[in-house]
Protein backbone atom coordinates (compact mmCIF):
# COMPACT_ATOMS: atom_id res chain seq x y z
CA MET A 1 -49.30 18.64 -2.60
CA SER A 2 -50.90 16.20 -0.27
CA LYS A 3 -49.02 14.35 2.38
CA ILE A 4 -49.30 11.13 0.40
CA GLU A 5 -47.70 12.73 -2.66
CA ASP A 6 -44.91 14.16 -0.49
CA LEU A 7 -44.34 10.78 1.04
CA ALA A 8 -44.32 9.13 -2.40
CA ASP A 9 -41.70 11.65 -3.62
CA ARG A 10 -39.55 11.02 -0.60
CA VAL A 11 -39.82 7.24 -1.07
CA GLU A 12 -38.91 7.62 -4.75
CA ARG A 13 -35.80 9.70 -3.86
CA LEU A 14 -34.88 7.16 -1.20
CA LEU A 15 -35.09 4.32 -3.73
CA LEU A 16 -32.93 6.26 -6.20
CA ARG A 17 -30.38 6.94 -3.47
CA HIS A 18 -30.40 3.27 -2.51
CA ASP A 19 -29.65 2.29 -6.13
CA GLU A 20 -26.81 4.82 -6.25
CA LEU A 21 -25.32 3.46 -3.06
CA GLN A 22 -25.53 -0.11 -4.34
CA ARG A 23 -23.69 0.84 -7.54
CA THR A 24 -21.08 2.73 -5.53
CA ASN A 25 -20.64 -0.25 -3.24
CA VAL A 26 -20.04 -2.57 -6.21
CA LEU A 27 -17.40 -0.18 -7.58
CA LEU A 28 -15.71 0.08 -4.20
CA GLU A 29 -15.64 -3.70 -3.85
CA GLN A 30 -13.99 -3.96 -7.28
CA GLN A 31 -11.39 -1.34 -6.31
CA LEU A 32 -10.71 -3.14 -3.04
CA LYS A 33 -10.17 -6.42 -4.88
CA THR A 34 -7.79 -4.73 -7.33
CA VAL A 35 -5.80 -3.00 -4.59
CA THR A 36 -5.64 -6.20 -2.53
CA LEU A 37 -4.27 -8.14 -5.51
CA GLU A 38 -1.73 -5.39 -6.17
CA ARG A 39 -0.67 -5.38 -2.51
CA ASP A 40 -0.25 -9.15 -2.51
CA SER A 41 1.82 -8.96 -5.70
CA LEU A 42 4.05 -6.24 -4.24
CA LYS A 43 4.53 -8.24 -1.03
CA SER A 44 5.52 -11.26 -3.10
CA ARG A 45 7.99 -9.20 -5.14
CA LEU A 46 9.43 -7.71 -1.94
CA ASN A 47 9.94 -11.15 -0.42
CA ALA A 48 11.62 -12.39 -3.60
CA ALA A 49 13.93 -9.36 -3.69
CA ARG A 50 14.72 -9.77 0.00
CA SER A 51 15.57 -13.42 -0.61
CA ARG A 52 17.89 -12.52 -3.51
CA ILE A 53 19.64 -9.87 -1.40
CA ASN A 54 20.11 -12.31 1.48
CA THR A 55 21.57 -14.87 -0.93
CA LEU A 56 23.99 -12.25 -2.27
CA LEU A 57 24.99 -11.20 1.26
CA GLU A 58 25.69 -14.82 2.18
CA ARG A 59 27.99 -15.11 -0.83
CA LEU A 60 30.11 -12.14 0.27
CA PRO A 61 33.34 -12.90 2.11
CA THR A 62 32.96 -12.46 5.87
CA ASP A 63 35.35 -9.50 6.13
CA VAL A 64 33.57 -7.64 3.31
CA ALA A 65 30.18 -8.26 4.89
CA THR A 66 31.47 -6.93 8.22
CA ASP A 67 32.91 -3.83 6.54
CA LEU A 68 29.60 -3.18 4.80
CA ALA A 69 27.67 -3.52 8.04
CA ALA A 70 29.94 -1.10 9.94
CA PRO A 71 29.67 2.63 9.23
CA ALA A 72 32.53 3.98 7.18
CA SER A 73 34.93 6.09 9.21
CA LEU A 74 35.97 9.34 7.65
CA PRO A 75 39.55 10.61 7.92
CA SER A 76 39.91 13.22 10.58
CA THR A 77 40.66 16.71 9.24
CA GLY A 78 40.49 18.43 12.58
CA GLU A 79 37.42 20.35 11.46
CA PRO A 80 34.12 19.74 13.20
CA THR A 81 31.45 18.07 11.12
CA ARG A 82 28.36 20.04 10.22
């Protein structure tokens, strides 16, 4: 093959690779958009759940809320814990 034919083959492969990369980029952009929307939805759900939990905690009597916040003490059996 002549140098011109070699160069033409290389240019053709380069153009094909460029097209492949463009298609891949479009797919990756679509995936990124989907994942971003999912993340935003999950963050919203987390904030809503956190708000509901805080509302429930505020409704608890003060002594119950304090007991829940403190670690439960176990009765002493004289045996060391493992």
